Amino acid sequence: MNENITIQSIPSFKRDFIKVDILRLDELHPVVSGNKWFKLRYYIQEAKQQKANTIASFGGPYSNHLLALAFAAKQNGFKSIGYVRSNANEAITPTLCEAIEYGMELKFLGRNEFSLLKNKLLQSQSNALNAVYYIDEGGYGNLGAQGATSILANEKTNIYSHIICAVGTGTMMAGLINASQAHQKIIGIPILKNENSIQEEIKALLLCEEKSFTILPGFHLGGYAKTNQTQFDFMNQLWNTDHIPTDIVYTSKLLIAVEQLIDQNYFEHNAQILIIHSGGLQGNRSLPVGTLVF
């Protein structure tokens, strides 16, 4: 693990009245990058305490979470199972191929019954003697949020007035809210069409109900993993101007949102903004060669 995570300025986002930096969690580890280790660490610890021999979780065919779990489980002496939201007759993605290389057994739950079957498996964990330890999709849960609080366990992050992140399951955002200082505003940019449910899912993980946060919808470009050429052009330009690599699912949509909000004068003067780079760069491998310049 890279213990020296950097905070990098984004010169192309700079305006006279605000400061914009990015926390480069993507530099944490080549596989368990971004927010993934933070969300997994306490689950793995509990799995050891329960003497499980296998850790299982859930995700789509391009899941950063499943890939990170496959690697982390192997490193910690566990077998791993990935329950995938796709069908066995579909092409295996580069993400799933790599997960298999780290020893993960894949089981395909299909798309229509995925949520129902997932919930049944999660409920089976109530048996304390179960040798399989289950983690919800994306690391969602109290232990995942607890791990995510340590993202801000750095005095350097205390100076910021606004902390902004992409939102999938909401686990990382809940951790950021729990760890935030009284003067800090936590803003989430959903990358799923789940604006109606994500608020309550985040609130369920908060340690203090009185802590406020803001969800700004409308930047998902059509839904999870939906892309377009304008997005690719933005990613390439950002790399050329600021040398920041982004992914197609999370961080590029987050940064597009932040730039638009800046241009719309959303932030007050003298705002100090910290963007959380949550990793996920491996997802770019699904693009045709040459789409991105990095």
C-alpha atoms as a PDB file:
ATOM      1  CA  MET A   1       0.000   0.000   0.000  1.00  0.00           C
ATOM      2  CA  ASN A   2       1.146   3.534  -0.775  1.00  0.00           C
ATOM      3  CA  GLU A   3       0.974   5.327   2.573  1.00  0.00           C
ATOM      4  CA  ASN A   4       1.852   8.698   1.030  1.00  0.00           C
ATOM      5  CA  ILE A   5      -1.404   9.578  -0.690  1.00  0.00           C
ATOM      6  CA  THR A   6      -1.067  12.951  -2.373  1.00  0.00           C
ATOM      7  CA  ILE A   7      -3.378  15.925  -2.548  1.00  0.00           C
ATOM      8  CA  GLN A   8      -2.953  17.472  -5.975  1.00  0.00           C
ATOM      9  CA  SER A   9      -4.142  20.823  -7.226  1.00  0.00           C
ATOM     10  CA  ILE A  10      -6.194  21.066 -10.425  1.00  0.00           C
ATOM     11  CA  PRO A  11      -4.900  24.188 -12.204  1.00  0.00           C
ATOM     12  CA  SER A  12      -7.484  24.036 -14.999  1.00  0.00           C
ATOM     13  CA  PHE A  13     -10.288  24.255 -12.404  1.00  0.00           C
ATOM     14  CA  LYS A  14      -8.749  27.214 -10.575  1.00  0.00           C
ATOM     15  CA  ARG A  15     -10.713  30.437 -10.384  1.00  0.00           C
ATOM     16  CA  ASP A  16      -9.810  33.640  -8.565  1.00  0.00           C
ATOM     17  CA  PHE A  17     -12.323  32.974  -5.803  1.00  0.00           C
ATOM     18  CA  ILE A  18     -11.863  29.234  -5.071  1.00  0.00           C
ATOM     19  CA  LYS A  19      -9.228  26.557  -4.505  1.00  0.00           C
ATOM     20  CA  VAL A  20      -9.744  23.074  -6.008  1.00  0.00           C
ATOM     21  CA  ASP A  21      -7.642  20.022  -5.075  1.00  0.00           C
ATOM     22  CA  ILE A  22      -8.053  16.271  -5.522  1.00  0.00           C
ATOM     23  CA  LEU A  23      -7.209  13.471  -3.081  1.00  0.00           C
ATOM     24  CA  ARG A  24      -5.489  10.818  -5.191  1.00  0.00           C
ATOM     25  CA  LEU A  25      -6.794   7.610  -3.617  1.00  0.00           C
ATOM     26  CA  ASP A  26      -6.200   5.958  -6.998  1.00  0.00           C
ATOM     27  CA  GLU A  27      -2.501   5.914  -6.066  1.00  0.00           C
ATOM     28  CA  LEU A  28      -3.098   3.765  -2.969  1.00  0.00           C
ATOM     29  CA  HIS A  29      -2.587   0.384  -4.656  1.00  0.00           C
ATOM     30  CA  PRO A  30      -2.554  -0.915  -8.254  1.00  0.00           C
ATOM     31  CA  VAL A  31      -5.471  -3.321  -7.615  1.00  0.00           C
ATOM     32  CA  VAL A  32      -7.160  -2.400  -4.323  1.00  0.00           C
ATOM     33  CA  SER A  33      -7.154   1.246  -5.348  1.00  0.00           C
ATOM     34  CA  GLY A  34      -9.273   4.234  -4.514  1.00  0.00           C
ATOM     35  CA  ASN A  35     -11.821   3.781  -1.757  1.00  0.00           C
ATOM     36  CA  LYS A  36     -11.920  -0.023  -2.012  1.00  0.00           C
ATOM     37  CA  TRP A  37      -9.423  -0.914   0.722  1.00  0.00           C
ATOM     38  CA  PHE A  38     -10.992   1.562   3.128  1.00  0.00           C
ATOM     39  CA  LYS A  39     -14.394  -0.069   2.673  1.00  0.00           C
ATOM     40  CA  LEU A  40     -13.073  -3.645   2.860  1.00  0.00           C
ATOM     41  CA  ARG A  41     -10.648  -3.452   5.783  1.00  0.00           C
ATOM     42  CA  TYR A  42     -13.083  -3.973   8.674  1.00  0.00           C
ATOM     43  CA  TYR A  43     -15.068  -6.636   6.839  1.00  0.00           C
ATOM     44  CA  ILE A  44     -11.879  -8.640   6.356  1.00  0.00           C
ATOM     45  CA  GLN A  45     -11.018  -8.130  10.007  1.00  0.00           C
ATOM     46  CA  GLU A  46     -14.443  -9.411  11.088  1.00  0.00           C
ATOM     47  CA  ALA A  47     -14.215 -12.385   8.701  1.00  0.00           C
ATOM     48  CA  LYS A  48     -10.980 -13.367  10.451  1.00  0.00           C
ATOM     49  CA  GLN A  49     -12.604 -13.021  13.857  1.00  0.00           C
ATOM     50  CA  GLN A  50     -15.479 -15.250  12.742  1.00  0.00           C
ATOM     51  CA  LYS A  51     -12.968 -17.788  11.380  1.00  0.00           C
ATOM     52  CA  ALA A  52     -14.585 -17.820   7.957  1.00  0.00           C
ATOM     53  CA  ASN A  53     -12.593 -19.437   5.176  1.00  0.00           C
ATOM     54  CA  THR A  54     -14.322 -17.692   2.267  1.00  0.00           C
ATOM     55  CA  ILE A  55     -15.427 -14.116   1.595  1.00  0.00           C
ATOM     56  CA  ALA A  56     -18.215 -13.547  -0.918  1.00  0.00           C
ATOM     57  CA  SER A  57     -19.695 -10.396  -2.381  1.00  0.00           C
ATOM     58  CA  PHE A  58     -21.741  -9.038  -5.252  1.00  0.00           C
ATOM     59  CA  GLY A  59     -21.313  -6.773  -8.259  1.00  0.00           C
ATOM     60  CA  GLY A  60     -21.625  -6.213 -11.957  1.00  0.00           C
ATOM     61  CA  PRO A  61     -19.327  -7.530 -14.686  1.00  0.00           C
ATOM     62  CA  TYR A  62     -17.091  -4.428 -14.396  1.00  0.00           C
ATOM     63  CA  SER A  63     -17.122  -4.262 -10.592  1.00  0.00           C
ATOM     64  CA  ASN A  64     -14.084  -2.571  -9.048  1.00  0.00           C
ATOM     65  CA  HIS A  65     -15.302  -3.935  -5.732  1.00  0.00           C
ATOM     66  CA  LEU A  66     -15.216  -7.592  -6.795  1.00  0.00           C
ATOM     67  CA  LEU A  67     -11.756  -7.229  -8.294  1.00  0.00           C
ATOM     68  CA  ALA A  68     -10.405  -5.535  -5.168  1.00  0.00           C
ATOM     69  CA  LEU A  69     -12.015  -8.188  -2.972  1.00  0.00           C
ATOM     70  CA  ALA A  70     -10.491 -11.018  -5.023  1.00  0.00           C
ATOM     71  CA  PHE A  71      -7.006  -9.583  -4.468  1.00  0.00           C
ATOM     72  CA  ALA A  72      -7.519  -8.632  -0.808  1.00  0.00           C
ATOM     73  CA  ALA A  73      -9.028 -12.023   0.032  1.00  0.00           C
ATOM     74  CA  LYS A  74      -6.086 -13.867  -1.503  1.00  0.00           C
ATOM     75  CA  GLN A  75      -3.600 -11.645   0.343  1.00  0.00           C
ATOM     76  CA  ASN A  76      -5.342 -12.401   3.632  1.00  0.00           C
ATOM     77  CA  GLY A  77      -5.628 -16.151   3.168  1.00  0.00           C
ATOM     78  CA  PHE A  78      -9.305 -16.387   2.163  1.00  0.00           C
ATOM     79  CA  LYS A  79     -11.035 -18.014  -0.751  1.00  0.00           C
ATOM     80  CA  SER A  80     -13.402 -15.651  -2.544  1.00  0.00           C
ATOM     81  CA  ILE A  81     -16.693 -15.864  -4.413  1.00  0.00           C
ATOM     82  CA  GLY A  82     -18.083 -13.187  -6.674  1.00  0.00           C
ATOM     83  CA  TYR A  83     -21.809 -13.212  -7.384  1.00  0.00           C
ATOM     84  CA  VAL A  84     -22.180 -11.369 -10.682  1.00  0.00           C
ATOM     85  CA  ARG A  85     -25.076  -9.394 -12.110  1.00  0.00           C
ATOM     86  CA  SER A  86     -24.896 -11.073 -15.508  1.00  0.00           C
ATOM     87  CA  ASN A  87     -25.421 -14.454 -17.153  1.00  0.00           C
ATOM     88  CA  ALA A  88     -22.968 -17.310 -17.564  1.00  0.00           C
ATOM     89  CA  ASN A  89     -23.276 -17.215 -21.351  1.00  0.00           C
ATOM     90  CA  GLU A  90     -22.162 -13.578 -21.552  1.00  0.00           C
ATOM     91  CA  ALA A  91     -18.579 -12.645 -22.437  1.00  0.00           C
ATOM     92  CA  ILE A  92     -16.205 -12.484 -19.485  1.00  0.00           C
ATOM     93  CA  THR A  93     -14.976  -8.919 -19.004  1.00  0.00           C
ATOM     94  CA  PRO A  94     -11.311  -8.032 -18.376  1.00  0.00           C
ATOM     95  CA  THR A  95     -12.305  -7.165 -14.797  1.00  0.00           C
ATOM     96  CA  LEU A  96     -13.750 -10.613 -14.131  1.00  0.00           C
ATOM     97  CA  CYS A  97     -10.819 -12.317 -15.872  1.00  0.00           C
ATOM     98  CA  GLU A  98      -8.433 -10.605 -13.490  1.00  0.00           C
ATOM     99  CA  ALA A  99     -10.610 -11.512 -10.499  1.00  0.00           C
ATOM    100  CA  ILE A 100     -10.408 -15.162 -11.604  1.00  0.00           C
ATOM    101  CA  GLU A 101      -6.602 -14.848 -11.766  1.00  0.00           C
ATOM    102  CA  TYR A 102      -6.647 -13.895  -8.073  1.00  0.00           C
ATOM    103  CA  GLY A 103      -8.605 -17.032  -7.294  1.00  0.00           C
ATOM    104  CA  MET A 104     -12.162 -15.724  -7.207  1.00  0.00           C
ATOM    105  CA  GLU A 105     -14.914 -18.208  -8.049  1.00  0.00           C
ATOM    106  CA  LEU A 106     -17.631 -16.565 -10.105  1.00  0.00           C
ATOM    107  CA  LYS A 107     -21.318 -17.356  -9.831  1.00  0.00           C
ATOM    108  CA  PHE A 108     -23.741 -15.672 -12.186  1.00  0.00           C
ATOM    109  CA  LEU A 109     -27.099 -14.636 -10.748  1.00  0.00           C
ATOM    110  CA  GLY A 110     -28.533 -13.123 -13.921  1.00  0.00           C
ATOM    111  CA  ARG A 111     -29.919  -9.620 -14.109  1.00  0.00           C
ATOM    112  CA  ASN A 112     -33.599  -9.915 -13.280  1.00  0.00           C
ATOM    113  CA  GLU A 113     -33.256 -11.974 -10.095  1.00  0.00           C
ATOM    114  CA  PHE A 114     -29.962 -10.501  -8.911  1.00  0.00           C
ATOM    115  CA  SER A 115     -31.297  -8.334  -6.077  1.00  0.00           C
ATOM    116  CA  LEU A 116     -33.636 -11.018  -4.760  1.00  0.00           C
ATOM    117  CA  LEU A 117     -30.963 -13.713  -4.746  1.00  0.00           C
ATOM    118  CA  LYS A 118     -28.418 -11.323  -3.246  1.00  0.00           C
ATOM    119  CA  ASN A 119     -30.696 -10.508  -0.325  1.00  0.00           C
ATOM    120  CA  LYS A 120     -31.316 -14.185   0.357  1.00  0.00           C
ATOM    121  CA  LEU A 121     -27.593 -14.880   0.502  1.00  0.00           C
ATOM    122  CA  LEU A 122     -26.932 -11.905   2.760  1.00  0.00           C
ATOM    123  CA  GLN A 123     -29.626 -13.104   5.154  1.00  0.00           C
ATOM    124  CA  SER A 124     -27.886 -16.471   5.402  1.00  0.00           C
ATOM    125  CA  GLN A 125     -25.027 -14.770   7.236  1.00  0.00           C
ATOM    126  CA  SER A 126     -27.138 -14.796  10.383  1.00  0.00           C
ATOM    127  CA  ASN A 127     -25.698 -18.291  10.960  1.00  0.00           C
ATOM    128  CA  ALA A 128     -22.562 -17.591  13.018  1.00  0.00           C
ATOM    129  CA  LEU A 129     -21.049 -20.931  12.003  1.00  0.00           C
ATOM    130  CA  ASN A 130     -21.263 -20.173   8.297  1.00  0.00           C
ATOM    131  CA  ALA A 131     -17.833 -20.613   6.694  1.00  0.00           C
ATOM    132  CA  VAL A 132     -18.719 -18.012   4.059  1.00  0.00           C
ATOM    133  CA  TYR A 133     -18.598 -14.348   5.088  1.00  0.00           C
ATOM    134  CA  TYR A 134     -20.816 -12.147   2.909  1.00  0.00           C
ATOM    135  CA  ILE A 135     -20.228  -8.471   2.069  1.00  0.00           C
ATOM    136  CA  ASP A 136     -22.965  -6.452   0.411  1.00  0.00           C
ATOM    137  CA  GLU A 137     -22.498  -4.955  -3.044  1.00  0.00           C
ATOM    138  CA  GLY A 138     -19.901  -2.185  -3.123  1.00  0.00           C
ATOM    139  CA  GLY A 139     -19.045  -2.807   0.522  1.00  0.00           C
ATOM    140  CA  TYR A 140     -22.294  -1.193   1.657  1.00  0.00           C
ATOM    141  CA  GLY A 141     -22.840  -1.393   5.399  1.00  0.00           C
ATOM    142  CA  ASN A 142     -21.725   0.018   8.730  1.00  0.00           C
ATOM    143  CA  LEU A 143     -18.281  -1.591   8.578  1.00  0.00           C
ATOM    144  CA  GLY A 144     -17.739  -0.224   5.081  1.00  0.00           C
ATOM    145  CA  ALA A 145     -18.687   3.277   6.218  1.00  0.00           C
ATOM    146  CA  GLN A 146     -16.476   2.900   9.283  1.00  0.00           C
ATOM    147  CA  GLY A 147     -13.527   2.122   7.048  1.00  0.00           C
ATOM    148  CA  ALA A 148     -14.320   5.073   4.796  1.00  0.00           C
ATOM    149  CA  THR A 149     -14.079   7.500   7.715  1.00  0.00           C
ATOM    150  CA  SER A 150     -10.311   7.009   7.690  1.00  0.00           C
ATOM    151  CA  ILE A 151     -10.142   8.608   4.225  1.00  0.00           C
ATOM    152  CA  LEU A 152     -10.279  11.934   6.066  1.00  0.00           C
ATOM    153  CA  ALA A 153      -7.981  10.828   8.907  1.00  0.00           C
ATOM    154  CA  ASN A 154      -5.433  13.375   7.804  1.00  0.00           C
ATOM    155  CA  GLU A 155      -4.976  16.852   9.224  1.00  0.00           C
ATOM    156  CA  LYS A 156      -4.361  18.152   5.703  1.00  0.00           C
ATOM    157  CA  THR A 157      -8.019  17.572   4.820  1.00  0.00           C
ATOM    158  CA  ASN A 158      -9.302  19.752   7.660  1.00  0.00           C
ATOM    159  CA  ILE A 159      -8.692  22.994   5.748  1.00  0.00           C
ATOM    160  CA  TYR A 160     -11.312  22.252   3.106  1.00  0.00           C
ATOM    161  CA  SER A 161     -14.776  23.779   3.224  1.00  0.00           C
ATOM    162  CA  HIS A 162     -16.282  21.403   0.648  1.00  0.00           C
ATOM    163  CA  ILE A 163     -15.567  17.694   0.135  1.00  0.00           C
ATOM    164  CA  ILE A 164     -17.075  16.192  -3.007  1.00  0.00           C
ATOM    165  CA  CYS A 165     -17.283  12.553  -4.057  1.00  0.00           C
ATOM    166  CA  ALA A 166     -18.969  10.296  -6.571  1.00  0.00           C
ATOM    167  CA  VAL A 167     -21.786   8.205  -5.110  1.00  0.00           C
ATOM    168  CA  GLY A 168     -22.526   4.563  -5.934  1.00  0.00           C
ATOM    169  CA  THR A 169     -23.868   2.700  -2.920  1.00  0.00           C
ATOM    170  CA  GLY A 170     -23.279   5.738  -0.707  1.00  0.00           C
ATOM    171  CA  THR A 171     -20.944   3.869   1.654  1.00  0.00           C
ATOM    172  CA  MET A 172     -17.936   6.093   1.120  1.00  0.00           C
ATOM    173  CA  MET A 173     -20.029   9.238   1.344  1.00  0.00           C
ATOM    174  CA  ALA A 174     -21.517   8.094   4.652  1.00  0.00           C
ATOM    175  CA  GLY A 175     -17.991   7.589   5.982  1.00  0.00           C
ATOM    176  CA  LEU A 176     -16.950  11.044   4.810  1.00  0.00           C
ATOM    177  CA  ILE A 177     -19.988  12.599   6.484  1.00  0.00           C
ATOM    178  CA  ASN A 178     -19.242  10.747   9.718  1.00  0.00           C
ATOM    179  CA  ALA A 179     -15.635  11.967   9.655  1.00  0.00           C
ATOM    180  CA  SER A 180     -16.295  15.532   8.522  1.00  0.00           C
ATOM    181  CA  GLN A 181     -15.627  18.639  10.592  1.00  0.00           C
ATOM    182  CA  ALA A 182     -18.404  21.069  11.555  1.00  0.00           C
ATOM    183  CA  HIS A 183     -17.294  23.631   8.943  1.00  0.00           C
ATOM    184  CA  GLN A 184     -17.227  21.127   6.062  1.00  0.00           C
ATOM    185  CA  LYS A 185     -19.964  20.542   3.512  1.00  0.00           C
ATOM    186  CA  ILE A 186     -20.111  17.036   2.028  1.00  0.00           C
ATOM    187  CA  ILE A 187     -21.503  16.841  -1.507  1.00  0.00           C
ATOM    188  CA  GLY A 188     -22.256  13.670  -3.449  1.00  0.00           C
ATOM    189  CA  ILE A 189     -22.626  13.204  -7.207  1.00  0.00           C
ATOM    190  CA  PRO A 190     -24.667  10.041  -7.950  1.00  0.00           C
ATOM    191  CA  ILE A 191     -23.518   7.939 -10.882  1.00  0.00           C
ATOM    192  CA  LEU A 192     -26.658   5.777 -10.726  1.00  0.00           C
ATOM    193  CA  LYS A 193     -30.271   6.662 -11.386  1.00  0.00           C
ATOM    194  CA  ASN A 194     -31.030   6.124  -7.707  1.00  0.00           C
ATOM    195  CA  GLU A 195     -31.561   9.675  -6.491  1.00  0.00           C
ATOM    196  CA  ASN A 196     -34.852   8.671  -4.869  1.00  0.00           C
ATOM    197  CA  SER A 197     -33.311   5.991  -2.633  1.00  0.00           C
ATOM    198  CA  ILE A 198     -29.698   7.018  -2.094  1.00  0.00           C
ATOM    199  CA  GLN A 199     -30.503   9.646   0.553  1.00  0.00           C
ATOM    200  CA  GLU A 200     -32.049   7.069   2.876  1.00  0.00           C
ATOM    201  CA  GLU A 201     -29.333   4.511   2.167  1.00  0.00           C
ATOM    202  CA  ILE A 202     -26.710   7.040   3.255  1.00  0.00           C
ATOM    203  CA  LYS A 203     -28.687   8.153   6.305  1.00  0.00           C
ATOM    204  CA  ALA A 204     -28.888   4.525   7.460  1.00  0.00           C
ATOM    205  CA  LEU A 205     -25.084   4.534   7.875  1.00  0.00           C
ATOM    206  CA  LEU A 206     -24.682   7.860   9.687  1.00  0.00           C
ATOM    207  CA  LEU A 207     -23.523   7.972  13.280  1.00  0.00           C
ATOM    208  CA  CYS A 208     -25.204  11.328  13.873  1.00  0.00           C
ATOM    209  CA  GLU A 209     -28.569  12.040  12.261  1.00  0.00           C
ATOM    210  CA  GLU A 210     -28.050  15.769  12.630  1.00  0.00           C
ATOM    211  CA  LYS A 211     -25.139  15.860  10.197  1.00  0.00           C
ATOM    212  CA  SER A 212     -26.273  17.256   6.863  1.00  0.00           C
ATOM    213  CA  PHE A 213     -25.118  16.471   3.353  1.00  0.00           C
ATOM    214  CA  THR A 214     -26.058  17.358  -0.195  1.00  0.00           C
ATOM    215  CA  ILE A 215     -26.834  15.106  -3.168  1.00  0.00           C
ATOM    216  CA  LEU A 216     -26.653  16.776  -6.568  1.00  0.00           C
ATOM    217  CA  PRO A 217     -28.301  14.577  -9.228  1.00  0.00           C
ATOM    218  CA  GLY A 218     -28.262  14.860 -12.993  1.00  0.00           C
ATOM    219  CA  PHE A 219     -24.614  14.167 -13.785  1.00  0.00           C
ATOM    220  CA  HIS A 220     -24.747  10.406 -14.417  1.00  0.00           C
ATOM    221  CA  LEU A 221     -24.803  10.809 -18.238  1.00  0.00           C
ATOM    222  CA  GLY A 222     -27.738   8.427 -18.556  1.00  0.00           C
ATOM    223  CA  GLY A 223     -26.927   5.909 -15.834  1.00  0.00           C
ATOM    224  CA  TYR A 224     -24.263   3.582 -14.486  1.00  0.00           C
ATOM    225  CA  ALA A 225     -21.378   3.075 -16.936  1.00  0.00           C
ATOM    226  CA  LYS A 226     -23.143   5.124 -19.629  1.00  0.00           C
ATOM    227  CA  THR A 227     -20.593   7.062 -21.653  1.00  0.00           C
ATOM    228  CA  ASN A 228     -20.311   9.430 -24.593  1.00  0.00           C
ATOM    229  CA  GLN A 229     -17.653  11.106 -26.707  1.00  0.00           C
ATOM    230  CA  THR A 230     -17.902  14.404 -24.811  1.00  0.00           C
ATOM    231  CA  GLN A 231     -16.944  12.521 -21.658  1.00  0.00           C
ATOM    232  CA  PHE A 232     -13.938  10.911 -23.361  1.00  0.00           C
ATOM    233  CA  ASP A 233     -12.825  14.318 -24.675  1.00  0.00           C
ATOM    234  CA  PHE A 234     -13.053  15.740 -21.152  1.00  0.00           C
ATOM    235  CA  MET A 235     -10.995  12.862 -19.719  1.00  0.00           C
ATOM    236  CA  ASN A 236      -8.301  13.276 -22.349  1.00  0.00           C
ATOM    237  CA  GLN A 237      -8.159  17.038 -21.889  1.00  0.00           C
ATOM    238  CA  LEU A 238      -7.887  16.690 -18.114  1.00  0.00           C
ATOM    239  CA  TRP A 239      -4.993  14.285 -18.548  1.00  0.00           C
ATOM    240  CA  ASN A 240      -3.238  16.640 -20.960  1.00  0.00           C
ATOM    241  CA  THR A 241      -3.693  19.740 -18.789  1.00  0.00           C
ATOM    242  CA  ASP A 242      -3.449  18.378 -15.249  1.00  0.00           C
ATOM    243  CA  HIS A 243      -2.099  14.826 -15.619  1.00  0.00           C
ATOM    244  CA  ILE A 244      -5.024  13.329 -13.696  1.00  0.00           C
ATOM    245  CA  PRO A 245      -6.293   9.926 -14.905  1.00  0.00           C
ATOM    246  CA  THR A 246     -10.032   9.370 -14.475  1.00  0.00           C
ATOM    247  CA  ASP A 247     -12.363   6.433 -15.019  1.00  0.00           C
ATOM    248  CA  ILE A 248     -15.494   6.264 -17.136  1.00  0.00           C
ATOM    249  CA  VAL A 249     -17.880   5.289 -14.314  1.00  0.00           C
ATOM    250  CA  TYR A 250     -17.072   7.466 -11.323  1.00  0.00           C
ATOM    251  CA  THR A 251     -14.359  10.092 -11.285  1.00  0.00           C
ATOM    252  CA  SER A 252     -14.776  11.571 -14.757  1.00  0.00           C
ATOM    253  CA  LYS A 253     -18.487  12.196 -14.116  1.00  0.00           C
ATOM    254  CA  LEU A 254     -17.606  13.669 -10.723  1.00  0.00           C
ATOM    255  CA  LEU A 255     -15.073  16.071 -12.206  1.00  0.00           C
ATOM    256  CA  ILE A 256     -17.400  17.053 -15.033  1.00  0.00           C
ATOM    257  CA  ALA A 257     -19.983  17.912 -12.387  1.00  0.00           C
ATOM    258  CA  VAL A 258     -17.531  19.951 -10.309  1.00  0.00           C
ATOM    259  CA  GLU A 259     -16.379  21.972 -13.312  1.00  0.00           C
ATOM    260  CA  GLN A 260     -19.964  22.752 -14.283  1.00  0.00           C
ATOM    261  CA  LEU A 261     -20.816  23.741 -10.707  1.00  0.00           C
ATOM    262  CA  ILE A 262     -17.819  26.077 -10.614  1.00  0.00           C
ATOM    263  CA  ASP A 263     -18.888  27.703 -13.876  1.00  0.00           C
ATOM    264  CA  GLN A 264     -22.423  28.088 -12.501  1.00  0.00           C
ATOM    265  CA  ASN A 265     -21.047  29.892  -9.408  1.00  0.00           C
ATOM    266  CA  TYR A 266     -22.424  27.177  -7.124  1.00  0.00           C
ATOM    267  CA  PHE A 267     -19.614  27.639  -4.609  1.00  0.00           C
ATOM    268  CA  GLU A 268     -19.223  30.726  -2.467  1.00  0.00           C
ATOM    269  CA  HIS A 269     -16.134  32.904  -2.716  1.00  0.00           C
ATOM    270  CA  ASN A 270     -13.070  31.596  -0.875  1.00  0.00           C
ATOM    271  CA  ALA A 271     -14.383  28.019  -1.029  1.00  0.00           C
ATOM    272  CA  GLN A 272     -11.696  25.382  -0.621  1.00  0.00           C
ATOM    273  CA  ILE A 273     -12.797  22.238  -2.441  1.00  0.00           C
ATOM    274  CA  LEU A 274     -11.406  18.723  -2.060  1.00  0.00           C
ATOM    275  CA  ILE A 275     -12.458  16.171  -4.672  1.00  0.00           C
ATOM    276  CA  ILE A 276     -12.104  12.492  -3.719  1.00  0.00           C
ATOM    277  CA  HIS A 277     -10.563  10.379  -6.495  1.00  0.00           C
ATOM    278  CA  SER A 278     -12.111   6.993  -5.681  1.00  0.00           C
ATOM    279  CA  GLY A 279     -10.048   4.954  -8.156  1.00  0.00           C
ATOM    280  CA  GLY A 280     -11.704   2.507 -10.528  1.00  0.00           C
ATOM    281  CA  LEU A 281      -9.293   3.135 -13.390  1.00  0.00           C
ATOM    282  CA  GLN A 282      -9.346  -0.525 -14.395  1.00  0.00           C
ATOM    283  CA  GLY A 283     -12.858   0.029 -15.775  1.00  0.00           C
ATOM    284  CA  ASN A 284     -11.353   1.942 -18.689  1.00  0.00           C
ATOM    285  CA  ARG A 285     -10.094  -1.347 -20.127  1.00  0.00           C
ATOM    286  CA  SER A 286     -13.576  -1.964 -21.502  1.00  0.00           C
ATOM    287  CA  LEU A 287     -13.039   0.873 -24.006  1.00  0.00           C
ATOM    288  CA  PRO A 288     -11.587   0.377 -27.505  1.00  0.00           C
ATOM    289  CA  VAL A 289      -7.840   0.892 -27.648  1.00  0.00           C
ATOM    290  CA  GLY A 290      -7.028   4.522 -28.386  1.00  0.00           C
ATOM    291  CA  THR A 291     -10.184   5.993 -26.893  1.00  0.00           C
ATOM    292  CA  LEU A 292      -8.153   7.513 -24.054  1.00  0.00           C
ATOM    293  CA  VAL A 293      -4.664   8.957 -24.297  1.00  0.00           C
ATOM    294  CA  PHE A 294      -3.526   7.631 -20.909  1.00  0.00           C
END
